[in-house]
Amino acid sequence: MLPFDTARWPVLSALLDELLPLSGPEREVRLQALAQGNADTAVQLRALLQADQAAQQASFLHGVADPQTLGEG
């Protein structure tokens, strides 16, 4: 993944808001169009989308914390 530039976050965030609700094929078409205008943006978006998918598959932030891990047990 390209180095993350925090100044670009507003652009990436807006594009993620646009891409996340799309189906896989629709998302791919939009990413290809974005890549024609700015390949770096498309690469970063793909990486962020892949990270989102991996987090969802791992059930990130779902469930209950282990009290022993929190020092409460």
C-alpha atoms as a PDB file:
ATOM      1  CA  MET A   1       0.000   0.000   0.000  1.00  0.00           C
ATOM      2  CA  LEU A   2       1.158   3.515  -0.699  1.00  0.00           C
ATOM      3  CA  PRO A   3       2.131   5.675   2.263  1.00  0.00           C
ATOM      4  CA  PHE A   4      -0.961   7.163   3.838  1.00  0.00           C
ATOM      5  CA  ASP A   5      -1.231  10.934   3.608  1.00  0.00           C
ATOM      6  CA  THR A   6      -3.667  12.266   6.202  1.00  0.00           C
ATOM      7  CA  ALA A   7      -4.331  15.313   4.028  1.00  0.00           C
ATOM      8  CA  ARG A   8      -5.929  12.961   1.477  1.00  0.00           C
ATOM      9  CA  TRP A   9      -8.284  11.382   4.009  1.00  0.00           C
ATOM     10  CA  PRO A  10     -11.264  13.640   3.195  1.00  0.00           C
ATOM     11  CA  VAL A  11     -11.081  12.538  -0.457  1.00  0.00           C
ATOM     12  CA  LEU A  12     -10.593   8.865   0.402  1.00  0.00           C
ATOM     13  CA  SER A  13     -13.360   8.963   3.014  1.00  0.00           C
ATOM     14  CA  ALA A  14     -15.867  10.442   0.565  1.00  0.00           C
ATOM     15  CA  LEU A  15     -14.968   7.830  -2.041  1.00  0.00           C
ATOM     16  CA  LEU A  16     -15.266   5.021   0.515  1.00  0.00           C
ATOM     17  CA  ASP A  17     -18.722   6.297   1.417  1.00  0.00           C
ATOM     18  CA  GLU A  18     -19.580   6.001  -2.260  1.00  0.00           C
ATOM     19  CA  LEU A  19     -17.983   2.573  -2.775  1.00  0.00           C
ATOM     20  CA  LEU A  20     -18.987   0.633   0.343  1.00  0.00           C
ATOM     21  CA  PRO A  21     -22.700   0.277  -0.491  1.00  0.00           C
ATOM     22  CA  LEU A  22     -21.996  -0.909  -4.055  1.00  0.00           C
ATOM     23  CA  SER A  23     -22.081  -4.550  -5.087  1.00  0.00           C
ATOM     24  CA  GLY A  24     -18.786  -6.187  -6.012  1.00  0.00           C
ATOM     25  CA  PRO A  25     -19.138  -5.706  -9.786  1.00  0.00           C
ATOM     26  CA  GLU A  26     -20.380  -2.113  -9.434  1.00  0.00           C
ATOM     27  CA  ARG A  27     -17.531  -1.323  -7.055  1.00  0.00           C
ATOM     28  CA  GLU A  28     -14.986  -2.754  -9.479  1.00  0.00           C
ATOM     29  CA  VAL A  29     -16.309  -0.649 -12.361  1.00  0.00           C
ATOM     30  CA  ARG A  30     -16.065   2.490 -10.218  1.00  0.00           C
ATOM     31  CA  LEU A  31     -12.548   1.595  -9.024  1.00  0.00           C
ATOM     32  CA  GLN A  32     -11.406   1.073 -12.602  1.00  0.00           C
ATOM     33  CA  ALA A  33     -12.775   4.477 -13.560  1.00  0.00           C
ATOM     34  CA  LEU A  34     -11.005   6.064 -10.592  1.00  0.00           C
ATOM     35  CA  ALA A  35      -7.754   4.315 -11.529  1.00  0.00           C
ATOM     36  CA  GLN A  36      -7.812   5.952 -14.958  1.00  0.00           C
ATOM     37  CA  GLY A  37      -7.821   9.368 -13.319  1.00  0.00           C
ATOM     38  CA  ASN A  38      -5.598   8.621 -10.331  1.00  0.00           C
ATOM     39  CA  ALA A  39      -4.035   5.187  -9.958  1.00  0.00           C
ATOM     40  CA  ASP A  40      -2.649   5.946  -6.472  1.00  0.00           C
ATOM     41  CA  THR A  41      -6.109   6.781  -5.153  1.00  0.00           C
ATOM     42  CA  ALA A  42      -7.519   3.557  -6.567  1.00  0.00           C
ATOM     43  CA  VAL A  43      -4.685   1.533  -4.992  1.00  0.00           C
ATOM     44  CA  GLN A  44      -5.297   3.100  -1.595  1.00  0.00           C
ATOM     45  CA  LEU A  45      -9.041   2.563  -1.866  1.00  0.00           C
ATOM     46  CA  ARG A  46      -8.574  -1.097  -2.784  1.00  0.00           C
ATOM     47  CA  ALA A  47      -6.327  -1.586   0.239  1.00  0.00           C
ATOM     48  CA  LEU A  48      -8.832   0.104   2.553  1.00  0.00           C
ATOM     49  CA  LEU A  49     -11.705  -1.943   1.121  1.00  0.00           C
ATOM     50  CA  GLN A  50      -9.716  -5.155   1.565  1.00  0.00           C
ATOM     51  CA  ALA A  51      -8.932  -4.211   5.167  1.00  0.00           C
ATOM     52  CA  ASP A  52     -12.622  -3.537   5.776  1.00  0.00           C
ATOM     53  CA  GLN A  53     -13.579  -6.910   4.329  1.00  0.00           C
ATOM     54  CA  ALA A  54     -10.939  -8.700   6.414  1.00  0.00           C
ATOM     55  CA  ALA A  55     -12.162  -6.970   9.578  1.00  0.00           C
ATOM     56  CA  GLN A  56     -15.746  -7.984   8.831  1.00  0.00           C
ATOM     57  CA  GLN A  57     -14.732 -11.583   8.177  1.00  0.00           C
ATOM     58  CA  ALA A  58     -12.809 -11.672  11.451  1.00  0.00           C
ATOM     59  CA  SER A  59     -15.885 -10.274  13.245  1.00  0.00           C
ATOM     60  CA  PHE A  60     -13.811  -7.326  14.402  1.00  0.00           C
ATOM     61  CA  LEU A  61     -15.528  -5.419  17.223  1.00  0.00           C
ATOM     62  CA  HIS A  62     -18.173  -8.116  17.647  1.00  0.00           C
ATOM     63  CA  GLY A  63     -18.667 -10.053  20.831  1.00  0.00           C
ATOM     64  CA  VAL A  64     -17.666  -9.421  24.392  1.00  0.00           C
ATOM     65  CA  ALA A  65     -14.240  -8.652  25.820  1.00  0.00           C
ATOM     66  CA  ASP A  66     -12.669 -11.279  28.060  1.00  0.00           C
ATOM     67  CA  PRO A  67     -12.747  -9.951  31.655  1.00  0.00           C
ATOM     68  CA  GLN A  68      -9.369 -11.577  32.383  1.00  0.00           C
ATOM     69  CA  THR A  69      -7.815  -9.697  29.477  1.00  0.00           C
ATOM     70  CA  LEU A  70      -9.233  -6.478  30.872  1.00  0.00           C
ATOM     71  CA  GLY A  71      -7.770  -7.220  34.319  1.00  0.00           C
ATOM     72  CA  GLU A  72     -11.178  -7.724  35.873  1.00  0.00           C
ATOM     73  CA  GLY A  73     -10.972 -11.454  36.359  1.00  0.00           C
END
